[in-house]
Amino acid sequence: MVRSPHAHARIRGVDVSAARSMPGVHAVLTGADYAAEGIADIGHTANPAGAVDWQNPAFVNRDGTTPFDVPQPTIVRDKVRHAGEIVAVAVGETEAIARQAAERVEM
C-alpha cells in the first residue's frame, strides 16, 4: 500500500504508470480506479445505539439526521485527512514485487 506521509493535504495527482509497467505486478489501484468501478466509500458512524432502544441512535440532530456519519474512502481520491491514509494499492506476484511497485508510485 502507498500511504500518505502528510497529515492533511490535497492530492493533485497520482502517477502509477511506472509501477504498473513492472514485471510481476498484477495491478496498481488508486481512488480514481475505485470510483470508476462504482466502489463506494465505506459508511460508518461513531454514533452508538441508544441506551433505551438499541435500534435508535444515541444522538440525533434537531432535524432528525444522525451526526458523525462521514463515509470513509477505501482509497482516497482528492484529499488526505491523516498521515498514513491509503493513496494507492499495489498487487504483485510476491510481497517484494508489490512493495517495489508501491515505491514507484508518484504523488
PDB file of N, CA and C in Angstrom:
ATOM      1  N   MET A   1       0.828  -1.177   0.000  1.00  0.00           N
ATOM      2  CA  MET A   1       0.000   0.000   0.000  1.00  0.00           C
ATOM      3  C   MET A   1       0.875   1.243   0.000  1.00  0.00           C
ATOM      4  N   VAL A   2       0.410   2.228  -0.701  1.00  0.00           N
ATOM      5  CA  VAL A   2       1.079   3.525  -0.720  1.00  0.00           C
ATOM      6  C   VAL A   2       0.300   4.419   0.229  1.00  0.00           C
ATOM      7  N   ARG A   3       0.981   4.898   1.248  1.00  0.00           N
ATOM      8  CA  ARG A   3       0.318   5.718   2.264  1.00  0.00           C
ATOM      9  C   ARG A   3       0.854   7.138   2.227  1.00  0.00           C
ATOM     10  N   SER A   4      -0.009   8.064   2.587  1.00  0.00           N
ATOM     11  CA  SER A   4       0.383   9.470   2.578  1.00  0.00           C
ATOM     12  C   SER A   4       1.330   9.784   3.727  1.00  0.00           C
ATOM     13  N   PRO A   5       2.400  10.525   3.449  1.00  0.00           N
ATOM     14  CA  PRO A   5       3.276  10.977   4.530  1.00  0.00           C
ATOM     15  C   PRO A   5       2.751  12.258   5.182  1.00  0.00           C
ATOM     16  N   HIS A   6       1.693  12.826   4.605  1.00  0.00           N
ATOM     17  CA  HIS A   6       1.170  14.110   5.077  1.00  0.00           C
ATOM     18  C   HIS A   6      -0.069  13.922   5.948  1.00  0.00           C
ATOM     19  N   ALA A   7      -0.207  14.788   6.949  1.00  0.00           N
ATOM     20  CA  ALA A   7      -1.349  14.718   7.853  1.00  0.00           C
ATOM     21  C   ALA A   7      -2.604  15.313   7.231  1.00  0.00           C
ATOM     22  N   HIS A   8      -2.462  16.286   6.360  1.00  0.00           N
ATOM     23  CA  HIS A   8      -3.616  16.903   5.708  1.00  0.00           C
ATOM     24  C   HIS A   8      -3.126  17.540   4.414  1.00  0.00           C
ATOM     25  N   ALA A   9      -3.614  17.065   3.277  1.00  0.00           N
ATOM     26  CA  ALA A   9      -3.130  17.585   2.002  1.00  0.00           C
ATOM     27  C   ALA A   9      -4.116  17.273   0.885  1.00  0.00           C
ATOM     28  N   ARG A  10      -4.073  18.090  -0.146  1.00  0.00           N
ATOM     29  CA  ARG A  10      -4.850  17.826  -1.356  1.00  0.00           C
ATOM     30  C   ARG A  10      -4.000  16.962  -2.291  1.00  0.00           C
ATOM     31  N   ILE A  11      -4.650  16.031  -2.939  1.00  0.00           N
ATOM     32  CA  ILE A  11      -3.960  15.172  -3.898  1.00  0.00           C
ATOM     33  C   ILE A  11      -4.112  15.809  -5.274  1.00  0.00           C
ATOM     34  N   ARG A  12      -3.013  16.192  -5.854  1.00  0.00           N
ATOM     35  CA  ARG A  12      -3.046  16.833  -7.173  1.00  0.00           C
ATOM     36  C   ARG A  12      -2.891  15.813  -8.290  1.00  0.00           C
ATOM     37  N   GLY A  13      -2.402  14.648  -7.961  1.00  0.00           N
ATOM     38  CA  GLY A  13      -2.251  13.601  -8.956  1.00  0.00           C
ATOM     39  C   GLY A  13      -1.494  12.421  -8.393  1.00  0.00           C
ATOM     40  N   VAL A  14      -1.798  11.248  -8.918  1.00  0.00           N
ATOM     41  CA  VAL A  14      -1.111  10.016  -8.535  1.00  0.00           C
ATOM     42  C   VAL A  14      -0.696   9.337  -9.837  1.00  0.00           C
ATOM     43  N   ASP A  15       0.608   9.170 -10.031  1.00  0.00           N
ATOM     44  CA  ASP A  15       1.131   8.548 -11.245  1.00  0.00           C
ATOM     45  C   ASP A  15       1.570   7.125 -10.917  1.00  0.00           C
ATOM     46  N   VAL A  16       0.846   6.166 -11.477  1.00  0.00           N
ATOM     47  CA  VAL A  16       1.143   4.756 -11.212  1.00  0.00           C
ATOM     48  C   VAL A  16       1.713   4.053 -12.445  1.00  0.00           C
ATOM     49  N   SER A  17       2.015   4.793 -13.498  1.00  0.00           N
ATOM     50  CA  SER A  17       2.451   4.177 -14.757  1.00  0.00           C
ATOM     51  C   SER A  17       3.738   3.370 -14.605  1.00  0.00           C
ATOM     52  N   ALA A  18       4.710   3.890 -13.877  1.00  0.00           N
ATOM     53  CA  ALA A  18       5.971   3.154 -13.684  1.00  0.00           C
ATOM     54  C   ALA A  18       5.733   1.880 -12.885  1.00  0.00           C
ATOM     55  N   ALA A  19       4.882   1.948 -11.894  1.00  0.00           N
ATOM     56  CA  ALA A  19       4.590   0.775 -11.066  1.00  0.00           C
ATOM     57  C   ALA A  19       3.829  -0.280 -11.859  1.00  0.00           C
ATOM     58  N   ARG A  20       2.865   0.150 -12.669  1.00  0.00           N
ATOM     59  CA  ARG A  20       2.068  -0.797 -13.454  1.00  0.00           C
ATOM     60  C   ARG A  20       2.896  -1.510 -14.517  1.00  0.00           C
ATOM     61  N   SER A  21       3.959  -0.873 -14.994  1.00  0.00           N
ATOM     62  CA  SER A  21       4.760  -1.469 -16.071  1.00  0.00           C
ATOM     63  C   SER A  21       5.812  -2.460 -15.571  1.00  0.00           C
ATOM     64  N   MET A  22       5.940  -2.608 -14.262  1.00  0.00           N
ATOM     65  CA  MET A  22       6.940  -3.531 -13.715  1.00  0.00           C
ATOM     66  C   MET A  22       6.535  -4.985 -13.943  1.00  0.00           C
ATOM     67  N   PRO A  23       7.495  -5.860 -14.256  1.00  0.00           N
ATOM     68  CA  PRO A  23       7.171  -7.280 -14.374  1.00  0.00           C
ATOM     69  C   PRO A  23       6.732  -7.841 -13.022  1.00  0.00           C
ATOM     70  N   GLY A  24       5.720  -8.691 -13.061  1.00  0.00           N
ATOM     71  CA  GLY A  24       5.228  -9.313 -11.835  1.00  0.00           C
ATOM     72  C   GLY A  24       4.170  -8.512 -11.103  1.00  0.00           C
ATOM     73  N   VAL A  25       3.845  -7.330 -11.608  1.00  0.00           N
ATOM     74  CA  VAL A  25       2.803  -6.505 -10.986  1.00  0.00           C
ATOM     75  C   VAL A  25       1.474  -6.829 -11.657  1.00  0.00           C
ATOM     76  N   HIS A  26       0.491  -7.215 -10.855  1.00  0.00           N
ATOM     77  CA  HIS A  26      -0.835  -7.556 -11.380  1.00  0.00           C
ATOM     78  C   HIS A  26      -1.725  -6.329 -11.494  1.00  0.00           C
ATOM     79  N   ALA A  27      -1.630  -5.419 -10.536  1.00  0.00           N
ATOM     80  CA  ALA A  27      -2.477  -4.224 -10.549  1.00  0.00           C
ATOM     81  C   ALA A  27      -1.910  -3.180  -9.600  1.00  0.00           C
ATOM     82  N   VAL A  28      -2.158  -1.932  -9.936  1.00  0.00           N
ATOM     83  CA  VAL A  28      -1.892  -0.819  -9.034  1.00  0.00           C
ATOM     84  C   VAL A  28      -3.149   0.034  -9.084  1.00  0.00           C
ATOM     85  N   LEU A  29      -3.855   0.096  -7.978  1.00  0.00           N
ATOM     86  CA  LEU A  29      -5.165   0.744  -7.930  1.00  0.00           C
ATOM     87  C   LEU A  29      -5.110   2.055  -7.168  1.00  0.00           C
ATOM     88  N   THR A  30      -5.878   3.022  -7.656  1.00  0.00           N
ATOM     89  CA  THR A  30      -5.996   4.319  -6.995  1.00  0.00           C
ATOM     90  C   THR A  30      -7.462   4.564  -6.650  1.00  0.00           C
ATOM     91  N   GLY A  31      -7.709   5.650  -5.956  1.00  0.00           N
ATOM     92  CA  GLY A  31      -9.084   6.029  -5.642  1.00  0.00           C
ATOM     93  C   GLY A  31      -9.901   6.276  -6.895  1.00  0.00           C
ATOM     94  N   ALA A  32      -9.264   6.805  -7.936  1.00  0.00           N
ATOM     95  CA  ALA A  32      -9.955   7.036  -9.206  1.00  0.00           C
ATOM     96  C   ALA A  32     -10.396   5.712  -9.831  1.00  0.00           C
ATOM     97  N   ASP A  33      -9.572   4.677  -9.708  1.00  0.00           N
ATOM     98  CA  ASP A  33      -9.940   3.352 -10.221  1.00  0.00           C
ATOM     99  C   ASP A  33     -11.160   2.815  -9.483  1.00  0.00           C
ATOM    100  N   TYR A  34     -11.163   2.964  -8.160  1.00  0.00           N
ATOM    101  CA  TYR A  34     -12.301   2.508  -7.363  1.00  0.00           C
ATOM    102  C   TYR A  34     -13.564   3.248  -7.765  1.00  0.00           C
ATOM    103  N   ALA A  35     -13.472   4.569  -7.914  1.00  0.00           N
ATOM    104  CA  ALA A  35     -14.637   5.371  -8.287  1.00  0.00           C
ATOM    105  C   ALA A  35     -15.151   4.964  -9.671  1.00  0.00           C
ATOM    106  N   ALA A  36     -14.236   4.704 -10.616  1.00  0.00           N
ATOM    107  CA  ALA A  36     -14.626   4.295 -11.966  1.00  0.00           C
ATOM    108  C   ALA A  36     -15.363   2.961 -11.964  1.00  0.00           C
ATOM    109  N   GLU A  37     -15.041   2.105 -11.003  1.00  0.00           N
ATOM    110  CA  GLU A  37     -15.708   0.805 -10.887  1.00  0.00           C
ATOM    111  C   GLU A  37     -16.998   0.885 -10.073  1.00  0.00           C
ATOM    112  N   GLY A  38     -17.290   2.069  -9.553  1.00  0.00           N
ATOM    113  CA  GLY A  38     -18.515   2.243  -8.766  1.00  0.00           C
ATOM    114  C   GLY A  38     -18.394   1.765  -7.333  1.00  0.00           C
ATOM    115  N   ILE A  39     -17.182   1.599  -6.848  1.00  0.00           N
ATOM    116  CA  ILE A  39     -16.978   1.166  -5.465  1.00  0.00           C
ATOM    117  C   ILE A  39     -17.137   2.377  -4.558  1.00  0.00           C
ATOM    118  N   ALA A  40     -18.124   2.318  -3.702  1.00  0.00           N
ATOM    119  CA  ALA A  40     -18.457   3.457  -2.840  1.00  0.00           C
ATOM    120  C   ALA A  40     -17.559   3.498  -1.608  1.00  0.00           C
ATOM    121  N   ASP A  41     -17.553   4.661  -0.972  1.00  0.00           N
ATOM    122  CA  ASP A  41     -16.835   4.809   0.290  1.00  0.00           C
ATOM    123  C   ASP A  41     -17.498   3.941   1.356  1.00  0.00           C
ATOM    124  N   ILE A  42     -16.766   3.644   2.411  1.00  0.00           N
ATOM    125  CA  ILE A  42     -17.281   2.816   3.497  1.00  0.00           C
ATOM    126  C   ILE A  42     -18.067   3.698   4.452  1.00  0.00           C
ATOM    127  N   GLY A  43     -19.331   3.410   4.594  1.00  0.00           N
ATOM    128  CA  GLY A  43     -20.154   4.173   5.526  1.00  0.00           C
ATOM    129  C   GLY A  43     -19.964   3.641   6.936  1.00  0.00           C
ATOM    130  N   HIS A  44     -19.734   4.537   7.835  1.00  0.00           N
ATOM    131  CA  HIS A  44     -19.654   4.139   9.237  1.00  0.00           C
ATOM    132  C   HIS A  44     -20.055   5.326  10.084  1.00  0.00           C
ATOM    133  N   THR A  45     -20.438   5.049  11.261  1.00  0.00           N
ATOM    134  CA  THR A  45     -20.868   6.120  12.144  1.00  0.00           C
ATOM    135  C   THR A  45     -20.255   5.924  13.514  1.00  0.00           C
ATOM    136  N   ALA A  46     -19.943   7.019  14.134  1.00  0.00           N
ATOM    137  CA  ALA A  46     -19.426   6.967  15.502  1.00  0.00           C
ATOM    138  C   ALA A  46     -20.564   7.132  16.498  1.00  0.00           C
ATOM    139  N   ASN A  47     -21.773   6.932  16.013  1.00  0.00           N
ATOM    140  CA  ASN A  47     -22.961   7.135  16.825  1.00  0.00           C
ATOM    141  C   ASN A  47     -23.425   5.790  17.392  1.00  0.00           C
ATOM    142  N   PRO A  48     -23.271   5.570  18.683  1.00  0.00           N
ATOM    143  CA  PRO A  48     -23.655   4.285  19.274  1.00  0.00           C
ATOM    144  C   PRO A  48     -25.167   4.131  19.369  1.00  0.00           C
ATOM    145  N   ALA A  49     -25.579   2.920  19.642  1.00  0.00           N
ATOM    146  CA  ALA A  49     -27.001   2.653  19.842  1.00  0.00           C
ATOM    147  C   ALA A  49     -27.477   3.321  21.120  1.00  0.00           C
ATOM    148  N   GLY A  50     -28.765   3.646  21.137  1.00  0.00           N
ATOM    149  CA  GLY A  50     -29.339   4.281  22.317  1.00  0.00           C
ATOM    150  C   GLY A  50     -29.371   3.325  23.502  1.00  0.00           C
ATOM    151  N   ALA A  51     -29.364   3.873  24.690  1.00  0.00           N
ATOM    152  CA  ALA A  51     -29.365   3.056  25.908  1.00  0.00           C
ATOM    153  C   ALA A  51     -30.716   2.399  26.142  1.00  0.00           C
ATOM    154  N   VAL A  52     -31.787   3.048  25.729  1.00  0.00           N
ATOM    155  CA  VAL A  52     -33.134   2.519  25.952  1.00  0.00           C
ATOM    156  C   VAL A  52     -33.567   1.632  24.791  1.00  0.00           C
ATOM    157  N   ASP A  53     -33.360   2.092  23.584  1.00  0.00           N
ATOM    158  CA  ASP A  53     -33.762   1.341  22.394  1.00  0.00           C
ATOM    159  C   ASP A  53     -32.557   1.223  21.464  1.00  0.00           C
ATOM    160  N   TRP A  54     -31.979   0.041  21.345  1.00  0.00           N
ATOM    161  CA  TRP A  54     -30.762  -0.155  20.570  1.00  0.00           C
ATOM    162  C   TRP A  54     -30.950   0.117  19.084  1.00  0.00           C
ATOM    163  N   GLN A  55     -32.208   0.122  18.604  1.00  0.00           N
ATOM    164  CA  GLN A  55     -32.451   0.382  17.188  1.00  0.00           C
ATOM    165  C   GLN A  55     -32.404   1.871  16.851  1.00  0.00           C
ATOM    166  N   ASN A  56     -32.438   2.712  17.862  1.00  0.00           N
ATOM    167  CA  ASN A  56     -32.343   4.151  17.655  1.00  0.00           C
ATOM    168  C   ASN A  56     -30.955   4.628  18.046  1.00  0.00           C
ATOM    169  N   PRO A  57     -30.392   5.564  17.289  1.00  0.00           N
ATOM    170  CA  PRO A  57     -29.076   6.085  17.647  1.00  0.00           C
ATOM    171  C   PRO A  57     -29.133   6.914  18.921  1.00  0.00           C
ATOM    172  N   ALA A  58     -28.022   6.963  19.611  1.00  0.00           N
ATOM    173  CA  ALA A  58     -27.957   7.704  20.868  1.00  0.00           C
ATOM    174  C   ALA A  58     -28.041   9.208  20.638  1.00  0.00           C
ATOM    175  N   PHE A  59     -27.518   9.678  19.517  1.00  0.00           N
ATOM    176  CA  PHE A  59     -27.503  11.114  19.238  1.00  0.00           C
ATOM    177  C   PHE A  59     -28.251  11.402  17.945  1.00  0.00           C
ATOM    178  N   VAL A  60     -29.109  12.413  17.979  1.00  0.00           N
ATOM    179  CA  VAL A  60     -29.870  12.815  16.804  1.00  0.00           C
ATOM    180  C   VAL A  60     -29.863  14.338  16.727  1.00  0.00           C
ATOM    181  N   ASN A  61     -29.638  14.870  15.522  1.00  0.00           N
ATOM    182  CA  ASN A  61     -29.710  16.315  15.326  1.00  0.00           C
ATOM    183  C   ASN A  61     -31.160  16.778  15.406  1.00  0.00           C
ATOM    184  N   ARG A  62     -31.359  18.052  15.529  1.00  0.00           N
ATOM    185  CA  ARG A  62     -32.717  18.609  15.615  1.00  0.00           C
ATOM    186  C   ARG A  62     -33.550  18.285  14.382  1.00  0.00           C
ATOM    187  N   ASP A  63     -32.894  18.149  13.245  1.00  0.00           N
ATOM    188  CA  ASP A  63     -33.636  17.842  12.016  1.00  0.00           C
ATOM    189  C   ASP A  63     -33.848  16.338  11.814  1.00  0.00           C
ATOM    190  N   GLY A  64     -33.435  15.523  12.784  1.00  0.00           N
ATOM    191  CA  GLY A  64     -33.648  14.085  12.731  1.00  0.00           C
ATOM    192  C   GLY A  64     -32.509  13.288  12.129  1.00  0.00           C
ATOM    193  N   THR A  65     -31.517  13.964  11.554  1.00  0.00           N
ATOM    194  CA  THR A  65     -30.366  13.257  10.995  1.00  0.00           C
ATOM    195  C   THR A  65     -29.397  12.880  12.109  1.00  0.00           C
ATOM    196  N   THR A  66     -28.562  11.899  11.829  1.00  0.00           N
ATOM    197  CA  THR A  66     -27.579  11.488  12.827  1.00  0.00           C
ATOM    198  C   THR A  66     -26.254  12.189  12.574  1.00  0.00           C
ATOM    199  N   PRO A  67     -25.578  12.624  13.623  1.00  0.00           N
ATOM    200  CA  PRO A  67     -24.276  13.267  13.457  1.00  0.00           C
ATOM    201  C   PRO A  67     -23.166  12.229  13.286  1.00  0.00           C
ATOM    202  N   PHE A  68     -22.011  12.685  12.934  1.00  0.00           N
ATOM    203  CA  PHE A  68     -20.804  11.864  12.858  1.00  0.00           C
ATOM    204  C   PHE A  68     -20.837  10.815  11.757  1.00  0.00           C
ATOM    205  N   ASP A  69     -21.757  10.914  10.824  1.00  0.00           N
ATOM    206  CA  ASP A  69     -21.843   9.917   9.765  1.00  0.00           C
ATOM    207  C   ASP A  69     -21.063  10.417   8.551  1.00  0.00           C
ATOM    208  N   VAL A  70     -19.782  10.078   8.501  1.00  0.00           N
ATOM    209  CA  VAL A  70     -18.913  10.535   7.420  1.00  0.00           C
ATOM    210  C   VAL A  70     -18.352   9.312   6.693  1.00  0.00           C
ATOM    211  N   PRO A  71     -18.687   9.124   5.419  1.00  0.00           N
ATOM    212  CA  PRO A  71     -18.140   7.982   4.681  1.00  0.00           C
ATOM    213  C   PRO A  71     -16.615   8.053   4.593  1.00  0.00           C
ATOM    214  N   GLN A  72     -15.973   6.916   4.775  1.00  0.00           N
ATOM    215  CA  GLN A  72     -14.514   6.824   4.732  1.00  0.00           C
ATOM    216  C   GLN A  72     -14.097   6.224   3.398  1.00  0.00           C
ATOM    217  N   PRO A  73     -13.300   6.941   2.607  1.00  0.00           N
ATOM    218  CA  PRO A  73     -12.855   6.351   1.345  1.00  0.00           C
ATOM    219  C   PRO A  73     -11.895   5.182   1.582  1.00  0.00           C
ATOM    220  N   THR A  74     -12.075   4.124   0.813  1.00  0.00           N
ATOM    221  CA  THR A  74     -11.163   2.983   0.893  1.00  0.00           C
ATOM    222  C   THR A  74      -9.775   3.408   0.438  1.00  0.00           C
ATOM    223  N   ILE A  75      -9.733   4.085  -0.702  1.00  0.00           N
ATOM    224  CA  ILE A  75      -8.510   4.699  -1.220  1.00  0.00           C
ATOM    225  C   ILE A  75      -8.875   6.151  -1.522  1.00  0.00           C
ATOM    226  N   VAL A  76      -8.150   7.083  -0.928  1.00  0.00           N
ATOM    227  CA  VAL A  76      -8.512   8.496  -1.084  1.00  0.00           C
ATOM    228  C   VAL A  76      -8.350   8.951  -2.533  1.00  0.00           C
ATOM    229  N   ARG A  77      -9.152   9.950  -2.905  1.00  0.00           N
ATOM    230  CA  ARG A  77      -9.125  10.466  -4.270  1.00  0.00           C
ATOM    231  C   ARG A  77      -8.628  11.904  -4.342  1.00  0.00           C
ATOM    232  N   ASP A  78      -9.137  12.761  -3.479  1.00  0.00           N
ATOM    233  CA  ASP A  78      -8.828  14.178  -3.627  1.00  0.00           C
ATOM    234  C   ASP A  78      -8.153  14.821  -2.423  1.00  0.00           C
ATOM    235  N   LYS A  79      -8.367  14.269  -1.240  1.00  0.00           N
ATOM    236  CA  LYS A  79      -7.806  14.886  -0.040  1.00  0.00           C
ATOM    237  C   LYS A  79      -7.391  13.826   0.971  1.00  0.00           C
ATOM    238  N   VAL A  80      -6.195  14.011   1.526  1.00  0.00           N
ATOM    239  CA  VAL A  80      -5.690  13.147   2.592  1.00  0.00           C
ATOM    240  C   VAL A  80      -6.071  13.798   3.915  1.00  0.00           C
ATOM    241  N   ARG A  81      -6.650  13.017   4.817  1.00  0.00           N
ATOM    242  CA  ARG A  81      -7.121  13.569   6.078  1.00  0.00           C
ATOM    243  C   ARG A  81      -6.230  13.231   7.267  1.00  0.00           C
ATOM    244  N   HIS A  82      -5.354  12.253   7.088  1.00  0.00           N
ATOM    245  CA  HIS A  82      -4.406  11.909   8.151  1.00  0.00           C
ATOM    246  C   HIS A  82      -3.197  11.202   7.546  1.00  0.00           C
ATOM    247  N   ALA A  83      -2.078  11.313   8.222  1.00  0.00           N
ATOM    248  CA  ALA A  83      -0.865  10.634   7.770  1.00  0.00           C
ATOM    249  C   ALA A  83      -1.109   9.130   7.784  1.00  0.00           C
ATOM    250  N   GLY A  84      -0.691   8.472   6.745  1.00  0.00           N
ATOM    251  CA  GLY A  84      -0.876   7.029   6.657  1.00  0.00           C
ATOM    252  C   GLY A  84      -2.122   6.617   5.898  1.00  0.00           C
ATOM    253  N   GLU A  85      -2.920   7.584   5.461  1.00  0.00           N
ATOM    254  CA  GLU A  85      -4.120   7.245   4.700  1.00  0.00           C
ATOM    255  C   GLU A  85      -3.704   6.643   3.353  1.00  0.00           C
ATOM    256  N   ILE A  86      -4.449   5.655   2.880  1.00  0.00           N
ATOM    257  CA  ILE A  86      -4.092   4.908   1.672  1.00  0.00           C
ATOM    258  C   ILE A  86      -4.366   5.733   0.418  1.00  0.00           C
ATOM    259  N   VAL A  87      -3.335   5.868  -0.430  1.00  0.00           N
ATOM    260  CA  VAL A  87      -3.423   6.624  -1.677  1.00  0.00           C
ATOM    261  C   VAL A  87      -3.464   5.674  -2.880  1.00  0.00           C
ATOM    262  N   ALA A  88      -2.817   4.523  -2.773  1.00  0.00           N
ATOM    263  CA  ALA A  88      -2.807   3.528  -3.848  1.00  0.00           C
ATOM    264  C   ALA A  88      -2.495   2.157  -3.252  1.00  0.00           C
ATOM    265  N   VAL A  89      -2.864   1.125  -4.002  1.00  0.00           N
ATOM    266  CA  VAL A  89      -2.602  -0.251  -3.577  1.00  0.00           C
ATOM    267  C   VAL A  89      -1.929  -0.982  -4.736  1.00  0.00           C
ATOM    268  N   ALA A  90      -0.818  -1.631  -4.452  1.00  0.00           N
ATOM    269  CA  ALA A  90      -0.097  -2.405  -5.464  1.00  0.00           C
ATOM    270  C   ALA A  90      -0.261  -3.894  -5.160  1.00  0.00           C
ATOM    271  N   VAL A  91      -0.546  -4.659  -6.211  1.00  0.00           N
ATOM    272  CA  VAL A  91      -0.700  -6.114  -6.082  1.00  0.00           C
ATOM    273  C   VAL A  91       0.316  -6.767  -7.013  1.00  0.00           C
ATOM    274  N   GLY A  92       1.162  -7.627  -6.454  1.00  0.00           N
ATOM    275  CA  GLY A  92       2.186  -8.283  -7.254  1.00  0.00           C
ATOM    276  C   GLY A  92       2.239  -9.775  -7.003  1.00  0.00           C
ATOM    277  N   GLU A  93       3.038 -10.464  -7.795  1.00  0.00           N
ATOM    278  CA  GLU A  93       3.194 -11.912  -7.638  1.00  0.00           C
ATOM    279  C   GLU A  93       3.769 -12.264  -6.275  1.00  0.00           C
ATOM    280  N   THR A  94       4.602 -11.389  -5.753  1.00  0.00           N
ATOM    281  CA  THR A  94       5.168 -11.596  -4.421  1.00  0.00           C
ATOM    282  C   THR A  94       5.026 -10.298  -3.628  1.00  0.00           C
ATOM    283  N   GLU A  95       5.216 -10.409  -2.338  1.00  0.00           N
ATOM    284  CA  GLU A  95       5.168  -9.219  -1.488  1.00  0.00           C
ATOM    285  C   GLU A  95       6.280  -8.247  -1.870  1.00  0.00           C
ATOM    286  N   ALA A  96       7.444  -8.773  -2.182  1.00  0.00           N
ATOM    287  CA  ALA A  96       8.577  -7.916  -2.554  1.00  0.00           C
ATOM    288  C   ALA A  96       8.273  -7.115  -3.819  1.00  0.00           C
ATOM    289  N   ILE A  97       7.661  -7.756  -4.802  1.00  0.00           N
ATOM    290  CA  ILE A  97       7.317  -7.054  -6.041  1.00  0.00           C
ATOM    291  C   ILE A  97       6.278  -5.977  -5.760  1.00  0.00           C
ATOM    292  N   ALA A  98       5.289  -6.297  -4.950  1.00  0.00           N
ATOM    293  CA  ALA A  98       4.257  -5.312  -4.604  1.00  0.00           C
ATOM    294  C   ALA A  98       4.866  -4.116  -3.879  1.00  0.00           C
ATOM    295  N   ARG A  99       5.792  -4.382  -2.973  1.00  0.00           N
ATOM    296  CA  ARG A  99       6.462  -3.276  -2.256  1.00  0.00           C
ATOM    297  C   ARG A  99       7.285  -2.412  -3.206  1.00  0.00           C
ATOM    298  N   GLN A 100       7.993  -3.046  -4.125  1.00  0.00           N
ATOM    299  CA  GLN A 100       8.789  -2.292  -5.104  1.00  0.00           C
ATOM    300  C   GLN A 100       7.883  -1.435  -5.989  1.00  0.00           C
ATOM    301  N   ALA A 101       6.746  -1.987  -6.378  1.00  0.00           N
ATOM    302  CA  ALA A 101       5.796  -1.226  -7.190  1.00  0.00           C
ATOM    303  C   ALA A 101       5.249  -0.038  -6.404  1.00  0.00           C
ATOM    304  N   ALA A 102       4.937  -0.256  -5.144  1.00  0.00           N
ATOM    305  CA  ALA A 102       4.420   0.829  -4.307  1.00  0.00           C
ATOM    306  C   ALA A 102       5.429   1.967  -4.194  1.00  0.00           C
ATOM    307  N   GLU A 103       6.702   1.624  -4.146  1.00  0.00           N
ATOM    308  CA  GLU A 103       7.750   2.645  -4.055  1.00  0.00           C
ATOM    309  C   GLU A 103       7.874   3.469  -5.334  1.00  0.00           C
ATOM    310  N   ARG A 104       7.362   2.957  -6.445  1.00  0.00           N
ATOM    311  CA  ARG A 104       7.455   3.680  -7.720  1.00  0.00           C
ATOM    312  C   ARG A 104       6.249   4.583  -7.988  1.00  0.00           C
ATOM    313  N   VAL A 105       5.265   4.543  -7.115  1.00  0.00           N
ATOM    314  CA  VAL A 105       4.097   5.417  -7.275  1.00  0.00           C
ATOM    315  C   VAL A 105       4.500   6.840  -6.911  1.00  0.00           C
ATOM    316  N   GLU A 106       4.165   7.783  -7.785  1.00  0.00           N
ATOM    317  CA  GLU A 106       4.499   9.196  -7.572  1.00  0.00           C
ATOM    318  C   GLU A 106       3.240   9.964  -7.188  1.00  0.00           C
ATOM    319  N   MET A 107       3.394  10.797  -6.157  1.00  0.00           N
ATOM    320  CA  MET A 107       2.280  11.667  -5.740  1.00  0.00           C
ATOM    321  C   MET A 107       2.688  13.103  -5.904  1.00  0.00           C
TER     322      MET A 107
END
